Amino acid sequence: MQPFRENSTQETVTNIPFTLVNNPQITLALATLPFVGLLIVGRTASYWLVQFGKASEEIFRGIQLPVLDPDPHRPL
């Protein structure tokens, strides 16, 4: 019985044929840019959503709403 390793052949590692950039540092730098952009957009969106929530809370607060009197001739 032959050992398993005798049947295997040594193959060289081939590069991916469609690489845009061969330098891994440049690839990492280009891949980092969209993630940083998403972080900035996410932080800005959450800030504006919080501000919108605070503004709508002020609008619907009961203290600042006018008193609706069904009979304007009746004294308060």
PDB file of N, CA and C in Angstrom:
ATOM      1  N   MET A   1       0.832  -1.167   0.000  1.00  0.00           N
ATOM      2  CA  MET A   1       0.000   0.000   0.000  1.00  0.00           C
ATOM      3  C   MET A   1       0.884   1.240   0.000  1.00  0.00           C
ATOM      4  N   GLN A   2       0.579   2.180  -0.875  1.00  0.00           N
ATOM      5  CA  GLN A   2       1.392   3.388  -0.971  1.00  0.00           C
ATOM      6  C   GLN A   2       0.864   4.440  -0.004  1.00  0.00           C
ATOM      7  N   PRO A   3       1.758   5.228   0.537  1.00  0.00           N
ATOM      8  CA  PRO A   3       1.306   6.327   1.402  1.00  0.00           C
ATOM      9  C   PRO A   3       0.556   7.380   0.569  1.00  0.00           C
ATOM     10  N   PHE A   4      -0.295   8.092   1.231  1.00  0.00           N
ATOM     11  CA  PHE A   4      -1.128   9.104   0.582  1.00  0.00           C
ATOM     12  C   PHE A   4      -0.300  10.232  -0.004  1.00  0.00           C
ATOM     13  N   ARG A   5       0.761  10.588   0.645  1.00  0.00           N
ATOM     14  CA  ARG A   5       1.544  11.749   0.228  1.00  0.00           C
ATOM     15  C   ARG A   5       2.345  11.485  -1.051  1.00  0.00           C
ATOM     16  N   GLU A   6       2.588  10.283  -1.393  1.00  0.00           N
ATOM     17  CA  GLU A   6       3.350  10.020  -2.604  1.00  0.00           C
ATOM     18  C   GLU A   6       2.538  10.330  -3.859  1.00  0.00           C
ATOM     19  N   ASN A   7       1.245  10.238  -3.791  1.00  0.00           N
ATOM     20  CA  ASN A   7       0.414  10.479  -4.960  1.00  0.00           C
ATOM     21  C   ASN A   7       0.190  11.968  -5.219  1.00  0.00           C
ATOM     22  N   SER A   8       0.347  12.775  -4.218  1.00  0.00           N
ATOM     23  CA  SER A   8       0.067  14.202  -4.413  1.00  0.00           C
ATOM     24  C   SER A   8       1.212  14.866  -5.166  1.00  0.00           C
ATOM     25  N   THR A   9       0.863  15.823  -5.972  1.00  0.00           N
ATOM     26  CA  THR A   9       1.874  16.572  -6.713  1.00  0.00           C
ATOM     27  C   THR A   9       1.947  17.976  -6.145  1.00  0.00           C
ATOM     28  N   GLN A  10       3.116  18.541  -6.212  1.00  0.00           N
ATOM     29  CA  GLN A  10       3.313  19.906  -5.727  1.00  0.00           C
ATOM     30  C   GLN A  10       2.819  20.879  -6.791  1.00  0.00           C
ATOM     31  N   GLU A  11       1.870  21.724  -6.429  1.00  0.00           N
ATOM     32  CA  GLU A  11       1.375  22.743  -7.343  1.00  0.00           C
ATOM     33  C   GLU A  11       1.807  24.105  -6.827  1.00  0.00           C
ATOM     34  N   THR A  12       2.150  24.962  -7.738  1.00  0.00           N
ATOM     35  CA  THR A  12       2.529  26.308  -7.330  1.00  0.00           C
ATOM     36  C   THR A  12       1.271  27.130  -7.080  1.00  0.00           C
ATOM     37  N   VAL A  13       1.389  28.056  -6.174  1.00  0.00           N
ATOM     38  CA  VAL A  13       0.263  28.932  -5.865  1.00  0.00           C
ATOM     39  C   VAL A  13       0.150  29.953  -6.975  1.00  0.00           C
ATOM     40  N   THR A  14      -1.020  30.026  -7.544  1.00  0.00           N
ATOM     41  CA  THR A  14      -1.232  30.981  -8.626  1.00  0.00           C
ATOM     42  C   THR A  14      -1.898  32.224  -8.076  1.00  0.00           C
ATOM     43  N   ASN A  15      -1.575  33.327  -8.651  1.00  0.00           N
ATOM     44  CA  ASN A  15      -2.201  34.578  -8.255  1.00  0.00           C
ATOM     45  C   ASN A  15      -3.598  34.653  -8.850  1.00  0.00           C
ATOM     46  N   ILE A  16      -4.447  35.392  -8.195  1.00  0.00           N
ATOM     47  CA  ILE A  16      -5.793  35.599  -8.710  1.00  0.00           C
ATOM     48  C   ILE A  16      -5.660  36.429  -9.987  1.00  0.00           C
ATOM     49  N   PRO A  17      -6.277  36.010 -11.065  1.00  0.00           N
ATOM     50  CA  PRO A  17      -6.030  36.692 -12.333  1.00  0.00           C
ATOM     51  C   PRO A  17      -6.638  38.089 -12.432  1.00  0.00           C
ATOM     52  N   PHE A  18      -7.654  38.395 -11.619  1.00  0.00           N
ATOM     53  CA  PHE A  18      -8.335  39.674 -11.770  1.00  0.00           C
ATOM     54  C   PHE A  18      -8.044  40.627 -10.618  1.00  0.00           C
ATOM     55  N   THR A  19      -6.863  40.608 -10.099  1.00  0.00           N
ATOM     56  CA  THR A  19      -6.550  41.550  -9.026  1.00  0.00           C
ATOM     57  C   THR A  19      -6.341  42.930  -9.611  1.00  0.00           C
ATOM     58  N   LEU A  20      -6.916  43.911  -8.956  1.00  0.00           N
ATOM     59  CA  LEU A  20      -6.756  45.282  -9.409  1.00  0.00           C
ATOM     60  C   LEU A  20      -5.441  45.869  -8.918  1.00  0.00           C
ATOM     61  N   VAL A  21      -5.094  45.533  -7.695  1.00  0.00           N
ATOM     62  CA  VAL A  21      -3.878  46.067  -7.087  1.00  0.00           C
ATOM     63  C   VAL A  21      -3.106  44.898  -6.504  1.00  0.00           C
ATOM     64  N   ASN A  22      -1.838  44.823  -6.818  1.00  0.00           N
ATOM     65  CA  ASN A  22      -1.036  43.712  -6.315  1.00  0.00           C
ATOM     66  C   ASN A  22      -0.448  43.985  -4.938  1.00  0.00           C
ATOM     67  N   ASN A  23      -0.383  45.236  -4.544  1.00  0.00           N
ATOM     68  CA  ASN A  23       0.182  45.576  -3.248  1.00  0.00           C
ATOM     69  C   ASN A  23      -0.897  45.440  -2.173  1.00  0.00           C
ATOM     70  N   PRO A  24      -0.700  44.591  -1.155  1.00  0.00           N
ATOM     71  CA  PRO A  24      -1.746  44.394  -0.136  1.00  0.00           C
ATOM     72  C   PRO A  24      -1.998  45.642   0.706  1.00  0.00           C
ATOM     73  N   GLN A  25      -0.996  46.498   0.876  1.00  0.00           N
ATOM     74  CA  GLN A  25      -1.201  47.714   1.666  1.00  0.00           C
ATOM     75  C   GLN A  25      -2.145  48.676   0.949  1.00  0.00           C
ATOM     76  N   ILE A  26      -2.009  48.783  -0.355  1.00  0.00           N
ATOM     77  CA  ILE A  26      -2.906  49.653  -1.118  1.00  0.00           C
ATOM     78  C   ILE A  26      -4.308  49.065  -1.136  1.00  0.00           C
ATOM     79  N   THR A  27      -4.408  47.754  -1.250  1.00  0.00           N
ATOM     80  CA  THR A  27      -5.713  47.100  -1.224  1.00  0.00           C
ATOM     81  C   THR A  27      -6.408  47.343   0.105  1.00  0.00           C
ATOM     82  N   LEU A  28      -5.674  47.226   1.203  1.00  0.00           N
ATOM     83  CA  LEU A  28      -6.241  47.477   2.523  1.00  0.00           C
ATOM     84  C   LEU A  28      -6.677  48.931   2.663  1.00  0.00           C
ATOM     85  N   ALA A  29      -5.878  49.847   2.149  1.00  0.00           N
ATOM     86  CA  ALA A  29      -6.236  51.265   2.220  1.00  0.00           C
ATOM     87  C   ALA A  29      -7.498  51.550   1.414  1.00  0.00           C
ATOM     88  N   LEU A  30      -7.628  50.943   0.239  1.00  0.00           N
ATOM     89  CA  LEU A  30      -8.817  51.152  -0.574  1.00  0.00           C
ATOM     90  C   LEU A  30     -10.052  50.501   0.035  1.00  0.00           C
ATOM     91  N   ALA A  31      -9.871  49.388   0.729  1.00  0.00           N
ATOM     92  CA  ALA A  31     -11.004  48.713   1.366  1.00  0.00           C
ATOM     93  C   ALA A  31     -11.424  49.429   2.643  1.00  0.00           C
ATOM     94  N   THR A  32     -10.535  50.161   3.268  1.00  0.00           N
ATOM     95  CA  THR A  32     -10.843  50.856   4.509  1.00  0.00           C
ATOM     96  C   THR A  32     -11.716  52.076   4.261  1.00  0.00           C
ATOM     97  N   LEU A  33     -11.541  52.732   3.144  1.00  0.00           N
ATOM     98  CA  LEU A  33     -12.268  53.959   2.846  1.00  0.00           C
ATOM     99  C   LEU A  33     -13.790  53.792   2.897  1.00  0.00           C
ATOM    100  N   PRO A  34     -14.391  52.766   2.300  1.00  0.00           N
ATOM    101  CA  PRO A  34     -15.855  52.629   2.407  1.00  0.00           C
ATOM    102  C   PRO A  34     -16.326  52.384   3.842  1.00  0.00           C
ATOM    103  N   PHE A  35     -15.549  51.655   4.630  1.00  0.00           N
ATOM    104  CA  PHE A  35     -15.950  51.400   6.009  1.00  0.00           C
ATOM    105  C   PHE A  35     -15.928  52.675   6.839  1.00  0.00           C
ATOM    106  N   VAL A  36     -14.920  53.495   6.649  1.00  0.00           N
ATOM    107  CA  VAL A  36     -14.850  54.771   7.367  1.00  0.00           C
ATOM    108  C   VAL A  36     -16.008  55.669   6.926  1.00  0.00           C
ATOM    109  N   GLY A  37     -16.310  55.653   5.639  1.00  0.00           N
ATOM    110  CA  GLY A  37     -17.439  56.432   5.143  1.00  0.00           C
ATOM    111  C   GLY A  37     -18.758  55.976   5.748  1.00  0.00           C
ATOM    112  N   LEU A  38     -18.945  54.664   5.873  1.00  0.00           N
ATOM    113  CA  LEU A  38     -20.163  54.149   6.488  1.00  0.00           C
ATOM    114  C   LEU A  38     -20.255  54.536   7.960  1.00  0.00           C
ATOM    115  N   LEU A  39     -19.141  54.543   8.658  1.00  0.00           N
ATOM    116  CA  LEU A  39     -19.148  54.963  10.060  1.00  0.00           C
ATOM    117  C   LEU A  39     -19.546  56.422  10.192  1.00  0.00           C
ATOM    118  N   ILE A  40     -19.021  57.266   9.318  1.00  0.00           N
ATOM    119  CA  ILE A  40     -19.345  58.689   9.375  1.00  0.00           C
ATOM    120  C   ILE A  40     -20.812  58.912   9.030  1.00  0.00           C
ATOM    121  N   VAL A  41     -21.301  58.245   7.995  1.00  0.00           N
ATOM    122  CA  VAL A  41     -22.703  58.395   7.604  1.00  0.00           C
ATOM    123  C   VAL A  41     -23.624  57.869   8.707  1.00  0.00           C
ATOM    124  N   GLY A  42     -23.266  56.758   9.317  1.00  0.00           N
ATOM    125  CA  GLY A  42     -24.084  56.196  10.394  1.00  0.00           C
ATOM    126  C   GLY A  42     -24.147  57.098  11.600  1.00  0.00           C
ATOM    127  N   ARG A  43     -23.009  57.675  11.960  1.00  0.00           N
ATOM    128  CA  ARG A  43     -22.983  58.583  13.113  1.00  0.00           C
ATOM    129  C   ARG A  43     -23.801  59.838  12.825  1.00  0.00           C
ATOM    130  N   THR A  44     -23.674  60.374  11.622  1.00  0.00           N
ATOM    131  CA  THR A  44     -24.430  61.573  11.251  1.00  0.00           C
ATOM    132  C   THR A  44     -25.928  61.276  11.217  1.00  0.00           C
ATOM    133  N   ALA A  45     -26.299  60.138  10.656  1.00  0.00           N
ATOM    134  CA  ALA A  45     -27.717  59.777  10.592  1.00  0.00           C
ATOM    135  C   ALA A  45     -28.294  59.582  11.987  1.00  0.00           C
ATOM    136  N   SER A  46     -27.553  58.951  12.888  1.00  0.00           N
ATOM    137  CA  SER A  46     -28.074  58.753  14.240  1.00  0.00           C
ATOM    138  C   SER A  46     -28.198  60.083  14.971  1.00  0.00           C
ATOM    139  N   TYR A  47     -27.273  61.013  14.738  1.00  0.00           N
ATOM    140  CA  TYR A  47     -27.352  62.334  15.366  1.00  0.00           C
ATOM    141  C   TYR A  47     -28.621  63.052  14.901  1.00  0.00           C
ATOM    142  N   TRP A  48     -28.883  63.038  13.589  1.00  0.00           N
ATOM    143  CA  TRP A  48     -30.048  63.751  13.077  1.00  0.00           C
ATOM    144  C   TRP A  48     -31.345  63.071  13.479  1.00  0.00           C
ATOM    145  N   LEU A  49     -31.345  61.761  13.600  1.00  0.00           N
ATOM    146  CA  LEU A  49     -32.550  61.081  14.073  1.00  0.00           C
ATOM    147  C   LEU A  49     -32.851  61.426  15.526  1.00  0.00           C
ATOM    148  N   VAL A  50     -31.822  61.537  16.345  1.00  0.00           N
ATOM    149  CA  VAL A  50     -32.016  61.939  17.742  1.00  0.00           C
ATOM    150  C   VAL A  50     -32.537  63.371  17.804  1.00  0.00           C
ATOM    151  N   GLN A  51     -31.967  64.257  16.983  1.00  0.00           N
ATOM    152  CA  GLN A  51     -32.432  65.639  16.967  1.00  0.00           C
ATOM    153  C   GLN A  51     -33.886  65.725  16.494  1.00  0.00           C
ATOM    154  N   PHE A  52     -34.248  64.942  15.509  1.00  0.00           N
ATOM    155  CA  PHE A  52     -35.622  64.914  15.032  1.00  0.00           C
ATOM    156  C   PHE A  52     -36.555  64.404  16.125  1.00  0.00           C
ATOM    157  N   GLY A  53     -36.125  63.394  16.861  1.00  0.00           N
ATOM    158  CA  GLY A  53     -36.936  62.870  17.961  1.00  0.00           C
ATOM    159  C   GLY A  53     -37.137  63.896  19.057  1.00  0.00           C
ATOM    160  N   LYS A  54     -36.082  64.639  19.385  1.00  0.00           N
ATOM    161  CA  LYS A  54     -36.212  65.685  20.403  1.00  0.00           C
ATOM    162  C   LYS A  54     -37.144  66.796  19.941  1.00  0.00           C
ATOM    163  N   ALA A  55     -37.040  67.174  18.672  1.00  0.00           N
ATOM    164  CA  ALA A  55     -37.905  68.231  18.147  1.00  0.00           C
ATOM    165  C   ALA A  55     -39.362  67.787  18.140  1.00  0.00           C
ATOM    166  N   SER A  56     -39.625  66.551  17.737  1.00  0.00           N
ATOM    167  CA  SER A  56     -41.005  66.080  17.730  1.00  0.00           C
ATOM    168  C   SER A  56     -41.534  65.928  19.147  1.00  0.00           C
ATOM    169  N   GLU A  57     -40.676  65.620  20.092  1.00  0.00           N
ATOM    170  CA  GLU A  57     -41.089  65.543  21.490  1.00  0.00           C
ATOM    171  C   GLU A  57     -41.507  66.916  21.998  1.00  0.00           C
ATOM    172  N   GLU A  58     -40.789  67.952  21.588  1.00  0.00           N
ATOM    173  CA  GLU A  58     -41.139  69.310  21.989  1.00  0.00           C
ATOM    174  C   GLU A  58     -42.459  69.741  21.361  1.00  0.00           C
ATOM    175  N   ILE A  59     -42.692  69.337  20.127  1.00  0.00           N
ATOM    176  CA  ILE A  59     -43.935  69.721  19.452  1.00  0.00           C
ATOM    177  C   ILE A  59     -45.138  69.089  20.143  1.00  0.00           C
ATOM    178  N   PHE A  60     -45.022  67.824  20.504  1.00  0.00           N
ATOM    179  CA  PHE A  60     -46.163  67.105  21.059  1.00  0.00           C
ATOM    180  C   PHE A  60     -46.229  67.140  22.577  1.00  0.00           C
ATOM    181  N   ARG A  61     -45.430  67.965  23.206  1.00  0.00           N
ATOM    182  CA  ARG A  61     -45.497  68.098  24.666  1.00  0.00           C
ATOM    183  C   ARG A  61     -46.799  68.801  25.020  1.00  0.00           C
ATOM    184  N   GLY A  62     -47.479  68.340  26.050  1.00  0.00           N
ATOM    185  CA  GLY A  62     -48.781  68.878  26.414  1.00  0.00           C
ATOM    186  C   GLY A  62     -48.734  70.287  26.960  1.00  0.00           C
ATOM    187  N   ILE A  63     -47.610  70.731  27.500  1.00  0.00           N
ATOM    188  CA  ILE A  63     -47.508  72.061  28.092  1.00  0.00           C
ATOM    189  C   ILE A  63     -47.623  73.131  27.014  1.00  0.00           C
ATOM    190  N   GLN A  64     -47.059  72.892  25.867  1.00  0.00           N
ATOM    191  CA  GLN A  64     -47.013  73.914  24.841  1.00  0.00           C
ATOM    192  C   GLN A  64     -48.197  73.866  23.880  1.00  0.00           C
ATOM    193  N   LEU A  65     -49.042  72.878  24.004  1.00  0.00           N
ATOM    194  CA  LEU A  65     -50.210  72.820  23.140  1.00  0.00           C
ATOM    195  C   LEU A  65     -51.264  73.795  23.630  1.00  0.00           C
ATOM    196  N   PRO A  66     -51.957  74.443  22.732  1.00  0.00           N
ATOM    197  CA  PRO A  66     -52.994  75.376  23.169  1.00  0.00           C
ATOM    198  C   PRO A  66     -54.195  74.630  23.735  1.00  0.00           C
ATOM    199  N   VAL A  67     -54.904  75.295  24.633  1.00  0.00           N
ATOM    200  CA  VAL A  67     -56.111  74.723  25.201  1.00  0.00           C
ATOM    201  C   VAL A  67     -57.235  74.963  24.210  1.00  0.00           C
ATOM    202  N   LEU A  68     -57.890  73.911  23.802  1.00  0.00           N
ATOM    203  CA  LEU A  68     -58.988  74.026  22.848  1.00  0.00           C
ATOM    204  C   LEU A  68     -60.292  74.139  23.624  1.00  0.00           C
ATOM    205  N   ASP A  69     -60.896  75.280  23.534  1.00  0.00           N
ATOM    206  CA  ASP A  69     -62.145  75.529  24.240  1.00  0.00           C
ATOM    207  C   ASP A  69     -63.302  75.342  23.266  1.00  0.00           C
ATOM    208  N   PRO A  70     -64.189  74.373  23.525  1.00  0.00           N
ATOM    209  CA  PRO A  70     -65.281  74.153  22.588  1.00  0.00           C
ATOM    210  C   PRO A  70     -66.278  75.317  22.568  1.00  0.00           C
ATOM    211  N   ASP A  71     -66.409  76.026  23.693  1.00  0.00           N
ATOM    212  CA  ASP A  71     -67.340  77.157  23.749  1.00  0.00           C
ATOM    213  C   ASP A  71     -66.535  78.415  24.048  1.00  0.00           C
ATOM    214  N   PRO A  72     -66.229  79.228  23.038  1.00  0.00           N
ATOM    215  CA  PRO A  72     -65.369  80.391  23.287  1.00  0.00           C
ATOM    216  C   PRO A  72     -66.049  81.489  24.120  1.00  0.00           C
ATOM    217  N   HIS A  73     -67.357  81.461  24.274  1.00  0.00           N
ATOM    218  CA  HIS A  73     -68.057  82.495  25.040  1.00  0.00           C
ATOM    219  C   HIS A  73     -68.145  82.154  26.526  1.00  0.00           C
ATOM    220  N   ARG A  74     -67.845  80.961  26.889  1.00  0.00           N
ATOM    221  CA  ARG A  74     -67.895  80.560  28.276  1.00  0.00           C
ATOM    222  C   ARG A  74     -66.664  81.068  29.005  1.00  0.00           C
ATOM    223  N   PRO A  75     -66.792  81.675  30.170  1.00  0.00           N
ATOM    224  CA  PRO A  75     -65.608  82.172  30.895  1.00  0.00           C
ATOM    225  C   PRO A  75     -64.793  81.011  31.466  1.00  0.00           C
ATOM    226  N   LEU A  76     -63.482  81.215  31.533  1.00  0.00           N
ATOM    227  CA  LEU A  76     -62.612  80.172  32.085  1.00  0.00           C
ATOM    228  C   LEU A  76     -62.586  80.179  33.555  1.00  0.00           C
TER     229      LEU A  76
END
